[in-house]
Amino acid sequence: MEQYLYRVQPTRTEMLSEGPTEDEAAIVQAHFEYLQRLTRDGIVLMAARTLTTDSDSFGIVIFEADSVDAARSLMNGDPAVHEGVMSAELFPCRVALWSDSGPGGIA
């Protein structure tokens, strides 16, 4: 298995600063549930987002896949990406360090 990272950004910045529309809220909830399922399945290693609410805001998902095609399929299967609420870019990556204590602030 190879490791990949995809970076997501809201396509409508106001979703963060002014709040999501009803449709956006439902899609973002589906996005979160998608990542929760993939984390439970051992595919997603971590997911995080910045706490900014401007055009610099982004999230990352680090995960494992058999190939770049499988990684792209997983990224494009994210409801927020598929529905156009977030744009996404895929990168091959390798986690170099990981704390045994794990990250704090997990929701």
PDB file of N, CA and C in Angstrom:
ATOM      1  N   MET A   1       0.844  -1.187   0.000  1.00  0.00           N
ATOM      2  CA  MET A   1       0.000   0.000   0.000  1.00  0.00           C
ATOM      3  C   MET A   1       0.884   1.243   0.000  1.00  0.00           C
ATOM      4  N   GLU A   2       0.461   2.204  -0.755  1.00  0.00           N
ATOM      5  CA  GLU A   2       1.141   3.496  -0.811  1.00  0.00           C
ATOM      6  C   GLU A   2       0.339   4.517  -0.010  1.00  0.00           C
ATOM      7  N   GLN A   3       1.002   5.560   0.427  1.00  0.00           N
ATOM      8  CA  GLN A   3       0.315   6.634   1.145  1.00  0.00           C
ATOM      9  C   GLN A   3       0.093   7.817   0.214  1.00  0.00           C
ATOM     10  N   TYR A   4      -1.053   8.452   0.417  1.00  0.00           N
ATOM     11  CA  TYR A   4      -1.443   9.622  -0.372  1.00  0.00           C
ATOM     12  C   TYR A   4      -2.043  10.660   0.561  1.00  0.00           C
ATOM     13  N   LEU A   5      -2.061  11.881   0.066  1.00  0.00           N
ATOM     14  CA  LEU A   5      -2.678  12.987   0.780  1.00  0.00           C
ATOM     15  C   LEU A   5      -3.573  13.703  -0.212  1.00  0.00           C
ATOM     16  N   TYR A   6      -4.810  13.980   0.194  1.00  0.00           N
ATOM     17  CA  TYR A   6      -5.564  14.921  -0.621  1.00  0.00           C
ATOM     18  C   TYR A   6      -5.926  16.125   0.206  1.00  0.00           C
ATOM     19  N   ARG A   7      -5.838  17.253  -0.481  1.00  0.00           N
ATOM     20  CA  ARG A   7      -6.075  18.564   0.123  1.00  0.00           C
ATOM     21  C   ARG A   7      -7.389  19.080  -0.424  1.00  0.00           C
ATOM     22  N   VAL A   8      -8.282  19.488   0.460  1.00  0.00           N
ATOM     23  CA  VAL A   8      -9.578  20.025   0.032  1.00  0.00           C
ATOM     24  C   VAL A   8      -9.704  21.482   0.453  1.00  0.00           C
ATOM     25  N   GLN A   9     -10.407  22.240  -0.385  1.00  0.00           N
ATOM     26  CA  GLN A   9     -10.722  23.633  -0.074  1.00  0.00           C
ATOM     27  C   GLN A   9     -12.164  23.882  -0.454  1.00  0.00           C
ATOM     28  N   PRO A  10     -12.873  24.648   0.357  1.00  0.00           N
ATOM     29  CA  PRO A  10     -14.254  24.983   0.008  1.00  0.00           C
ATOM     30  C   PRO A  10     -14.293  25.746  -1.314  1.00  0.00           C
ATOM     31  N   THR A  11     -15.247  25.418  -2.150  1.00  0.00           N
ATOM     32  CA  THR A  11     -15.396  26.154  -3.407  1.00  0.00           C
ATOM     33  C   THR A  11     -16.106  27.481  -3.177  1.00  0.00           C
ATOM     34  N   ARG A  12     -16.805  27.596  -2.065  1.00  0.00           N
ATOM     35  CA  ARG A  12     -17.470  28.853  -1.686  1.00  0.00           C
ATOM     36  C   ARG A  12     -16.976  29.220  -0.292  1.00  0.00           C
ATOM     37  N   THR A  13     -16.041  30.165  -0.226  1.00  0.00           N
ATOM     38  CA  THR A  13     -15.421  30.548   1.050  1.00  0.00           C
ATOM     39  C   THR A  13     -16.443  31.005   2.075  1.00  0.00           C
ATOM     40  N   GLU A  14     -17.512  31.623   1.622  1.00  0.00           N
ATOM     41  CA  GLU A  14     -18.547  32.110   2.540  1.00  0.00           C
ATOM     42  C   GLU A  14     -19.189  30.985   3.349  1.00  0.00           C
ATOM     43  N   MET A  15     -19.050  29.758   2.869  1.00  0.00           N
ATOM     44  CA  MET A  15     -19.568  28.620   3.629  1.00  0.00           C
ATOM     45  C   MET A  15     -18.949  28.602   5.029  1.00  0.00           C
ATOM     46  N   LEU A  16     -17.685  29.021   5.134  1.00  0.00           N
ATOM     47  CA  LEU A  16     -16.993  29.035   6.423  1.00  0.00           C
ATOM     48  C   LEU A  16     -17.239  30.319   7.197  1.00  0.00           C
ATOM     49  N   SER A  17     -17.260  31.442   6.511  1.00  0.00           N
ATOM     50  CA  SER A  17     -17.374  32.724   7.210  1.00  0.00           C
ATOM     51  C   SER A  17     -18.813  33.097   7.540  1.00  0.00           C
ATOM     52  N   GLU A  18     -19.759  32.698   6.685  1.00  0.00           N
ATOM     53  CA  GLU A  18     -21.164  33.067   6.890  1.00  0.00           C
ATOM     54  C   GLU A  18     -22.048  31.882   7.240  1.00  0.00           C
ATOM     55  N   GLY A  19     -21.511  30.688   7.045  1.00  0.00           N
ATOM     56  CA  GLY A  19     -22.278  29.476   7.317  1.00  0.00           C
ATOM     57  C   GLY A  19     -22.692  28.782   6.033  1.00  0.00           C
ATOM     58  N   PRO A  20     -22.873  27.479   6.105  1.00  0.00           N
ATOM     59  CA  PRO A  20     -23.244  26.708   4.921  1.00  0.00           C
ATOM     60  C   PRO A  20     -24.726  26.849   4.591  1.00  0.00           C
ATOM     61  N   THR A  21     -25.033  26.637   3.319  1.00  0.00           N
ATOM     62  CA  THR A  21     -26.433  26.499   2.932  1.00  0.00           C
ATOM     63  C   THR A  21     -26.922  25.156   3.472  1.00  0.00           C
ATOM     64  N   GLU A  22     -28.204  24.922   3.389  1.00  0.00           N
ATOM     65  CA  GLU A  22     -28.754  23.642   3.848  1.00  0.00           C
ATOM     66  C   GLU A  22     -28.134  22.483   3.073  1.00  0.00           C
ATOM     67  N   ASP A  23     -28.008  22.635   1.749  1.00  0.00           N
ATOM     68  CA  ASP A  23     -27.403  21.583   0.928  1.00  0.00           C
ATOM     69  C   ASP A  23     -25.937  21.366   1.295  1.00  0.00           C
ATOM     70  N   GLU A  24     -25.184  22.462   1.460  1.00  0.00           N
ATOM     71  CA  GLU A  24     -23.776  22.343   1.829  1.00  0.00           C
ATOM     72  C   GLU A  24     -23.616  21.641   3.169  1.00  0.00           C
ATOM     73  N   ALA A  25     -24.455  21.977   4.136  1.00  0.00           N
ATOM     74  CA  ALA A  25     -24.374  21.351   5.459  1.00  0.00           C
ATOM     75  C   ALA A  25     -24.586  19.844   5.355  1.00  0.00           C
ATOM     76  N   ALA A  26     -25.543  19.422   4.554  1.00  0.00           N
ATOM     77  CA  ALA A  26     -25.810  17.990   4.387  1.00  0.00           C
ATOM     78  C   ALA A  26     -24.634  17.293   3.702  1.00  0.00           C
ATOM     79  N   ILE A  27     -24.051  17.950   2.714  1.00  0.00           N
ATOM     80  CA  ILE A  27     -22.924  17.356   1.990  1.00  0.00           C
ATOM     81  C   ILE A  27     -21.686  17.290   2.878  1.00  0.00           C
ATOM     82  N   VAL A  28     -21.435  18.331   3.659  1.00  0.00           N
ATOM     83  CA  VAL A  28     -20.290  18.318   4.577  1.00  0.00           C
ATOM     84  C   VAL A  28     -20.478  17.233   5.640  1.00  0.00           C
ATOM     85  N   GLN A  29     -21.690  17.016   6.098  1.00  0.00           N
ATOM     86  CA  GLN A  29     -21.960  15.928   7.044  1.00  0.00           C
ATOM     87  C   GLN A  29     -21.664  14.577   6.392  1.00  0.00           C
ATOM     88  N   ALA A  30     -22.072  14.409   5.140  1.00  0.00           N
ATOM     89  CA  ALA A  30     -21.781  13.167   4.416  1.00  0.00           C
ATOM     90  C   ALA A  30     -20.268  12.999   4.222  1.00  0.00           C
ATOM     91  N   HIS A  31     -19.560  14.088   3.971  1.00  0.00           N
ATOM     92  CA  HIS A  31     -18.093  14.094   3.849  1.00  0.00           C
ATOM     93  C   HIS A  31     -17.471  13.575   5.152  1.00  0.00           C
ATOM     94  N   PHE A  32     -17.926  14.099   6.291  1.00  0.00           N
ATOM     95  CA  PHE A  32     -17.397  13.684   7.589  1.00  0.00           C
ATOM     96  C   PHE A  32     -17.679  12.204   7.839  1.00  0.00           C
ATOM     97  N   GLU A  33     -18.883  11.751   7.533  1.00  0.00           N
ATOM     98  CA  GLU A  33     -19.241  10.343   7.725  1.00  0.00           C
ATOM     99  C   GLU A  33     -18.426   9.431   6.806  1.00  0.00           C
ATOM    100  N   TYR A  34     -18.154   9.873   5.589  1.00  0.00           N
ATOM    101  CA  TYR A  34     -17.318   9.131   4.642  1.00  0.00           C
ATOM    102  C   TYR A  34     -15.923   8.933   5.239  1.00  0.00           C
ATOM    103  N   LEU A  35     -15.344  10.019   5.758  1.00  0.00           N
ATOM    104  CA  LEU A  35     -14.011   9.929   6.344  1.00  0.00           C
ATOM    105  C   LEU A  35     -14.011   9.094   7.625  1.00  0.00           C
ATOM    106  N   GLN A  36     -15.067   9.187   8.426  1.00  0.00           N
ATOM    107  CA  GLN A  36     -15.176   8.343   9.625  1.00  0.00           C
ATOM    108  C   GLN A  36     -15.168   6.864   9.244  1.00  0.00           C
ATOM    109  N   ARG A  37     -15.950   6.507   8.227  1.00  0.00           N
ATOM    110  CA  ARG A  37     -16.020   5.107   7.791  1.00  0.00           C
ATOM    111  C   ARG A  37     -14.661   4.627   7.296  1.00  0.00           C
ATOM    112  N   LEU A  38     -13.992   5.447   6.476  1.00  0.00           N
ATOM    113  CA  LEU A  38     -12.684   5.058   5.954  1.00  0.00           C
ATOM    114  C   LEU A  38     -11.639   4.969   7.063  1.00  0.00           C
ATOM    115  N   THR A  39     -11.782   5.771   8.096  1.00  0.00           N
ATOM    116  CA  THR A  39     -10.878   5.692   9.246  1.00  0.00           C
ATOM    117  C   THR A  39     -11.121   4.392  10.010  1.00  0.00           C
ATOM    118  N   ARG A  40     -12.387   4.070  10.246  1.00  0.00           N
ATOM    119  CA  ARG A  40     -12.718   2.798  10.919  1.00  0.00           C
ATOM    120  C   ARG A  40     -12.202   1.606  10.124  1.00  0.00           C
ATOM    121  N   ASP A  41     -12.236   1.717   8.789  1.00  0.00           N
ATOM    122  CA  ASP A  41     -11.790   0.624   7.926  1.00  0.00           C
ATOM    123  C   ASP A  41     -10.268   0.549   7.802  1.00  0.00           C
ATOM    124  N   GLY A  42      -9.557   1.478   8.450  1.00  0.00           N
ATOM    125  CA  GLY A  42      -8.102   1.459   8.423  1.00  0.00           C
ATOM    126  C   GLY A  42      -7.488   2.043   7.165  1.00  0.00           C
ATOM    127  N   ILE A  43      -8.268   2.735   6.365  1.00  0.00           N
ATOM    128  CA  ILE A  43      -7.770   3.329   5.121  1.00  0.00           C
ATOM    129  C   ILE A  43      -7.254   4.741   5.372  1.00  0.00           C
ATOM    130  N   VAL A  44      -8.050   5.552   6.046  1.00  0.00           N
ATOM    131  CA  VAL A  44      -7.627   6.915   6.387  1.00  0.00           C
ATOM    132  C   VAL A  44      -6.783   6.856   7.649  1.00  0.00           C
ATOM    133  N   LEU A  45      -5.604   7.454   7.586  1.00  0.00           N
ATOM    134  CA  LEU A  45      -4.710   7.520   8.737  1.00  0.00           C
ATOM    135  C   LEU A  45      -5.002   8.740   9.587  1.00  0.00           C
ATOM    136  N   MET A  46      -5.343   9.847   8.938  1.00  0.00           N
ATOM    137  CA  MET A  46      -5.706  11.063   9.660  1.00  0.00           C
ATOM    138  C   MET A  46      -6.397  12.029   8.718  1.00  0.00           C
ATOM    139  N   ALA A  47      -7.230  12.854   9.300  1.00  0.00           N
ATOM    140  CA  ALA A  47      -7.881  13.940   8.569  1.00  0.00           C
ATOM    141  C   ALA A  47      -7.868  15.155   9.484  1.00  0.00           C
ATOM    142  N   ALA A  48      -7.625  16.314   8.910  1.00  0.00           N
ATOM    143  CA  ALA A  48      -7.558  17.545   9.700  1.00  0.00           C
ATOM    144  C   ALA A  48      -7.944  18.722   8.821  1.00  0.00           C
ATOM    145  N   ARG A  49      -8.287  19.833   9.476  1.00  0.00           N
ATOM    146  CA  ARG A  49      -8.573  21.062   8.740  1.00  0.00           C
ATOM    147  C   ARG A  49      -8.015  22.245   9.508  1.00  0.00           C
ATOM    148  N   THR A  50      -7.774  23.292   8.767  1.00  0.00           N
ATOM    149  CA  THR A  50      -7.357  24.535   9.406  1.00  0.00           C
ATOM    150  C   THR A  50      -8.577  25.159  10.061  1.00  0.00           C
ATOM    151  N   LEU A  51      -8.342  26.041  11.009  1.00  0.00           N
ATOM    152  CA  LEU A  51      -9.444  26.706  11.699  1.00  0.00           C
ATOM    153  C   LEU A  51      -9.697  28.102  11.149  1.00  0.00           C
ATOM    154  N   THR A  52      -9.057  28.430  10.049  1.00  0.00           N
ATOM    155  CA  THR A  52      -9.283  29.719   9.407  1.00  0.00           C
ATOM    156  C   THR A  52     -10.607  29.689   8.650  1.00  0.00           C
ATOM    157  N   THR A  53     -11.159  30.866   8.403  1.00  0.00           N
ATOM    158  CA  THR A  53     -12.450  30.945   7.704  1.00  0.00           C
ATOM    159  C   THR A  53     -12.354  31.838   6.472  1.00  0.00           C
ATOM    160  N   ASP A  54     -11.151  31.902   5.889  1.00  0.00           N
ATOM    161  CA  ASP A  54     -10.973  32.711   4.690  1.00  0.00           C
ATOM    162  C   ASP A  54     -10.536  31.815   3.532  1.00  0.00           C
ATOM    163  N   SER A  55     -10.087  32.422   2.445  1.00  0.00           N
ATOM    164  CA  SER A  55      -9.734  31.650   1.250  1.00  0.00           C
ATOM    165  C   SER A  55      -8.501  30.774   1.449  1.00  0.00           C
ATOM    166  N   ASP A  56      -7.764  30.965   2.542  1.00  0.00           N
ATOM    167  CA  ASP A  56      -6.603  30.122   2.835  1.00  0.00           C
ATOM    168  C   ASP A  56      -6.981  28.831   3.562  1.00  0.00           C
ATOM    169  N   SER A  57      -8.219  28.671   3.959  1.00  0.00           N
ATOM    170  CA  SER A  57      -8.663  27.494   4.699  1.00  0.00           C
ATOM    171  C   SER A  57      -8.551  26.238   3.830  1.00  0.00           C
ATOM    172  N   PHE A  58      -8.131  25.142   4.444  1.00  0.00           N
ATOM    173  CA  PHE A  58      -8.065  23.870   3.727  1.00  0.00           C
ATOM    174  C   PHE A  58      -8.103  22.721   4.717  1.00  0.00           C
ATOM    175  N   GLY A  59      -8.336  21.539   4.198  1.00  0.00           N
ATOM    176  CA  GLY A  59      -8.279  20.319   4.976  1.00  0.00           C
ATOM    177  C   GLY A  59      -7.368  19.329   4.283  1.00  0.00           C
ATOM    178  N   ILE A  60      -6.881  18.343   5.038  1.00  0.00           N
ATOM    179  CA  ILE A  60      -6.065  17.282   4.449  1.00  0.00           C
ATOM    180  C   ILE A  60      -6.575  15.930   4.928  1.00  0.00           C
ATOM    181  N   VAL A  61      -6.402  14.959   4.067  1.00  0.00           N
ATOM    182  CA  VAL A  61      -6.711  13.570   4.393  1.00  0.00           C
ATOM    183  C   VAL A  61      -5.491  12.756   3.986  1.00  0.00           C
ATOM    184  N   ILE A  62      -4.896  12.034   4.920  1.00  0.00           N
ATOM    185  CA  ILE A  62      -3.779  11.140   4.622  1.00  0.00           C
ATOM    186  C   ILE A  62      -4.315   9.722   4.712  1.00  0.00           C
ATOM    187  N   PHE A  63      -4.052   8.944   3.667  1.00  0.00           N
ATOM    188  CA  PHE A  63      -4.657   7.617   3.576  1.00  0.00           C
ATOM    189  C   PHE A  63      -3.773   6.677   2.778  1.00  0.00           C
ATOM    190  N   GLU A  64      -4.153   5.412   2.765  1.00  0.00           N
ATOM    191  CA  GLU A  64      -3.433   4.388   2.015  1.00  0.00           C
ATOM    192  C   GLU A  64      -4.302   3.863   0.887  1.00  0.00           C
ATOM    193  N   ALA A  65      -3.648   3.581  -0.246  1.00  0.00           N
ATOM    194  CA  ALA A  65      -4.339   3.010  -1.403  1.00  0.00           C
ATOM    195  C   ALA A  65      -3.340   2.169  -2.190  1.00  0.00           C
ATOM    196  N   ASP A  66      -3.860   1.254  -2.994  1.00  0.00           N
ATOM    197  CA  ASP A  66      -3.016   0.355  -3.782  1.00  0.00           C
ATOM    198  C   ASP A  66      -2.332   1.037  -4.955  1.00  0.00           C
ATOM    199  N   SER A  67      -2.930   2.109  -5.467  1.00  0.00           N
ATOM    200  CA  SER A  67      -2.396   2.770  -6.660  1.00  0.00           C
ATOM    201  C   SER A  67      -2.879   4.210  -6.703  1.00  0.00           C
ATOM    202  N   VAL A  68      -2.276   4.986  -7.581  1.00  0.00           N
ATOM    203  CA  VAL A  68      -2.720   6.366  -7.739  1.00  0.00           C
ATOM    204  C   VAL A  68      -4.152   6.405  -8.267  1.00  0.00           C
ATOM    205  N   ASP A  69      -4.524   5.445  -9.113  1.00  0.00           N
ATOM    206  CA  ASP A  69      -5.904   5.402  -9.611  1.00  0.00           C
ATOM    207  C   ASP A  69      -6.884   5.118  -8.480  1.00  0.00           C
ATOM    208  N   ALA A  70      -6.528   4.190  -7.591  1.00  0.00           N
ATOM    209  CA  ALA A  70      -7.387   3.894  -6.438  1.00  0.00           C
ATOM    210  C   ALA A  70      -7.456   5.097  -5.507  1.00  0.00           C
ATOM    211  N   ALA A  71      -6.340   5.796  -5.340  1.00  0.00           N
ATOM    212  CA  ALA A  71      -6.320   6.990  -4.491  1.00  0.00           C
ATOM    213  C   ALA A  71      -7.211   8.076  -5.079  1.00  0.00           C
ATOM    214  N   ARG A  72      -7.118   8.273  -6.382  1.00  0.00           N
ATOM    215  CA  ARG A  72      -7.948   9.288  -7.039  1.00  0.00           C
ATOM    216  C   ARG A  72      -9.431   8.930  -6.917  1.00  0.00           C
ATOM    217  N   SER A  73      -9.738   7.664  -7.045  1.00  0.00           N
ATOM    218  CA  SER A  73     -11.122   7.208  -6.911  1.00  0.00           C
ATOM    219  C   SER A  73     -11.648   7.468  -5.499  1.00  0.00           C
ATOM    220  N   LEU A  74     -10.824   7.203  -4.493  1.00  0.00           N
ATOM    221  CA  LEU A  74     -11.230   7.459  -3.108  1.00  0.00           C
ATOM    222  C   LEU A  74     -11.470   8.953  -2.896  1.00  0.00           C
ATOM    223  N   MET A  75     -10.562   9.790  -3.395  1.00  0.00           N
ATOM    224  CA  MET A  75     -10.716  11.240  -3.259  1.00  0.00           C
ATOM    225  C   MET A  75     -11.985  11.715  -3.968  1.00  0.00           C
ATOM    226  N   ASN A  76     -12.181  11.259  -5.191  1.00  0.00           N
ATOM    227  CA  ASN A  76     -13.355  11.686  -5.955  1.00  0.00           C
ATOM    228  C   ASN A  76     -14.652  11.112  -5.405  1.00  0.00           C
ATOM    229  N   GLY A  77     -14.551  10.046  -4.592  1.00  0.00           N
ATOM    230  CA  GLY A  77     -15.725   9.475  -3.944  1.00  0.00           C
ATOM    231  C   GLY A  77     -16.161  10.227  -2.704  1.00  0.00           C
ATOM    232  N   ASP A  78     -15.334  11.147  -2.241  1.00  0.00           N
ATOM    233  CA  ASP A  78     -15.687  11.989  -1.096  1.00  0.00           C
ATOM    234  C   ASP A  78     -16.893  12.832  -1.503  1.00  0.00           C
ATOM    235  N   PRO A  79     -17.991  12.759  -0.772  1.00  0.00           N
ATOM    236  CA  PRO A  79     -19.194  13.501  -1.162  1.00  0.00           C
ATOM    237  C   PRO A  79     -18.966  14.997  -1.366  1.00  0.00           C
ATOM    238  N   ALA A  80     -18.108  15.617  -0.570  1.00  0.00           N
ATOM    239  CA  ALA A  80     -17.859  17.055  -0.720  1.00  0.00           C
ATOM    240  C   ALA A  80     -17.149  17.357  -2.034  1.00  0.00           C
ATOM    241  N   VAL A  81     -16.294  16.456  -2.468  1.00  0.00           N
ATOM    242  CA  VAL A  81     -15.591  16.617  -3.745  1.00  0.00           C
ATOM    243  C   VAL A  81     -16.540  16.281  -4.890  1.00  0.00           C
ATOM    244  N   HIS A  82     -17.204  15.143  -4.767  1.00  0.00           N
ATOM    245  CA  HIS A  82     -18.119  14.680  -5.814  1.00  0.00           C
ATOM    246  C   HIS A  82     -19.224  15.699  -6.102  1.00  0.00           C
ATOM    247  N   GLU A  83     -19.720  16.340  -5.059  1.00  0.00           N
ATOM    248  CA  GLU A  83     -20.822  17.299  -5.204  1.00  0.00           C
ATOM    249  C   GLU A  83     -20.347  18.728  -5.456  1.00  0.00           C
ATOM    250  N   GLY A  84     -19.025  18.942  -5.516  1.00  0.00           N
ATOM    251  CA  GLY A  84     -18.491  20.255  -5.846  1.00  0.00           C
ATOM    252  C   GLY A  84     -18.479  21.269  -4.717  1.00  0.00           C
ATOM    253  N   VAL A  85     -18.727  20.826  -3.490  1.00  0.00           N
ATOM    254  CA  VAL A  85     -18.672  21.735  -2.340  1.00  0.00           C
ATOM    255  C   VAL A  85     -17.214  22.032  -1.977  1.00  0.00           C
ATOM    256  N   MET A  86     -16.321  21.094  -2.295  1.00  0.00           N
ATOM    257  CA  MET A  86     -14.892  21.282  -2.069  1.00  0.00           C
ATOM    258  C   MET A  86     -14.136  20.869  -3.319  1.00  0.00           C
ATOM    259  N   SER A  87     -13.074  21.606  -3.616  1.00  0.00           N
ATOM    260  CA  SER A  87     -12.149  21.187  -4.665  1.00  0.00           C
ATOM    261  C   SER A  87     -11.063  20.351  -3.997  1.00  0.00           C
ATOM    262  N   ALA A  88     -10.405  19.499  -4.768  1.00  0.00           N
ATOM    263  CA  ALA A  88      -9.414  18.604  -4.169  1.00  0.00           C
ATOM    264  C   ALA A  88      -8.211  18.425  -5.083  1.00  0.00           C
ATOM    265  N   GLU A  89      -7.052  18.239  -4.447  1.00  0.00           N
ATOM    266  CA  GLU A  89      -5.804  17.925  -5.136  1.00  0.00           C
ATOM    267  C   GLU A  89      -5.199  16.702  -4.463  1.00  0.00           C
ATOM    268  N   LEU A  90      -4.657  15.799  -5.267  1.00  0.00           N
ATOM    269  CA  LEU A  90      -4.075  14.555  -4.770  1.00  0.00           C
ATOM    270  C   LEU A  90      -2.556  14.610  -4.863  1.00  0.00           C
ATOM    271  N   PHE A  91      -1.882  14.111  -3.822  1.00  0.00           N
ATOM    272  CA  PHE A  91      -0.425  14.069  -3.784  1.00  0.00           C
ATOM    273  C   PHE A  91       0.027  12.723  -3.230  1.00  0.00           C
ATOM    274  N   PRO A  92       1.067  12.111  -3.806  1.00  0.00           N
ATOM    275  CA  PRO A  92       1.686  10.971  -3.136  1.00  0.00           C
ATOM    276  C   PRO A  92       2.418  11.510  -1.912  1.00  0.00           C
ATOM    277  N   CYS A  93       2.456  10.755  -0.838  1.00  0.00           N
ATOM    278  CA  CYS A  93       3.159  11.228   0.364  1.00  0.00           C
ATOM    279  C   CYS A  93       3.636  10.039   1.177  1.00  0.00           C
ATOM    280  N   ARG A  94       4.402  10.345   2.194  1.00  0.00           N
ATOM    281  CA  ARG A  94       4.835   9.326   3.143  1.00  0.00           C
ATOM    282  C   ARG A  94       4.894   9.985   4.511  1.00  0.00           C
ATOM    283  N   VAL A  95       4.189   9.432   5.461  1.00  0.00           N
ATOM    284  CA  VAL A  95       4.260   9.941   6.827  1.00  0.00           C
ATOM    285  C   VAL A  95       5.653   9.615   7.351  1.00  0.00           C
ATOM    286  N   ALA A  96       6.367  10.639   7.799  1.00  0.00           N
ATOM    287  CA  ALA A  96       7.734  10.456   8.287  1.00  0.00           C
ATOM    288  C   ALA A  96       7.773  10.235   9.792  1.00  0.00           C
ATOM    289  N   LEU A  97       6.924  10.933  10.522  1.00  0.00           N
ATOM    290  CA  LEU A  97       6.891  10.818  11.981  1.00  0.00           C
ATOM    291  C   LEU A  97       5.445  10.755  12.441  1.00  0.00           C
ATOM    292  N   TRP A  98       5.216   9.985  13.487  1.00  0.00           N
ATOM    293  CA  TRP A  98       3.879   9.877  14.066  1.00  0.00           C
ATOM    294  C   TRP A  98       4.044   9.700  15.563  1.00  0.00           C
ATOM    295  N   SER A  99       3.410  10.521  16.338  1.00  0.00           N
ATOM    296  CA  SER A  99       3.514  10.458  17.791  1.00  0.00           C
ATOM    297  C   SER A  99       2.776   9.233  18.321  1.00  0.00           C
ATOM    298  N   ASP A 100       3.396   8.518  19.249  1.00  0.00           N
ATOM    299  CA  ASP A 100       2.728   7.379  19.879  1.00  0.00           C
ATOM    300  C   ASP A 100       1.521   7.812  20.697  1.00  0.00           C
ATOM    301  N   SER A 101       1.558   9.042  21.196  1.00  0.00           N
ATOM    302  CA  SER A 101       0.445   9.518  22.016  1.00  0.00           C
ATOM    303  C   SER A 101      -0.740   9.955  21.168  1.00  0.00           C
ATOM    304  N   GLY A 102      -0.544  10.101  19.876  1.00  0.00           N
ATOM    305  CA  GLY A 102      -1.638  10.503  18.993  1.00  0.00           C
ATOM    306  C   GLY A 102      -1.933  11.982  19.115  1.00  0.00           C
ATOM    307  N   PRO A 103      -2.689  12.490  18.172  1.00  0.00           N
ATOM    308  CA  PRO A 103      -3.015  13.914  18.190  1.00  0.00           C
ATOM    309  C   PRO A 103      -4.053  14.237  19.259  1.00  0.00           C
ATOM    310  N   GLY A 104      -4.037  15.459  19.738  1.00  0.00           N
ATOM    311  CA  GLY A 104      -5.046  15.917  20.691  1.00  0.00           C
ATOM    312  C   GLY A 104      -6.211  16.539  19.954  1.00  0.00           C
ATOM    313  N   GLY A 105      -7.291  16.739  20.652  1.00  0.00           N
ATOM    314  CA  GLY A 105      -8.428  17.447  20.077  1.00  0.00           C
ATOM    315  C   GLY A 105      -9.249  16.661  19.090  1.00  0.00           C
ATOM    316  N   ILE A 106      -9.181  15.355  19.126  1.00  0.00           N
ATOM    317  CA  ILE A 106      -9.962  14.552  18.186  1.00  0.00           C
ATOM    318  C   ILE A 106     -11.427  14.625  18.564  1.00  0.00           C
ATOM    319  N   ALA A 107     -12.240  14.923  17.568  1.00  0.00           N
ATOM    320  CA  ALA A 107     -13.691  15.035  17.794  1.00  0.00           C
ATOM    321  C   ALA A 107     -14.362  13.699  17.592  1.00  0.00           C
TER     322      ALA A 107
END
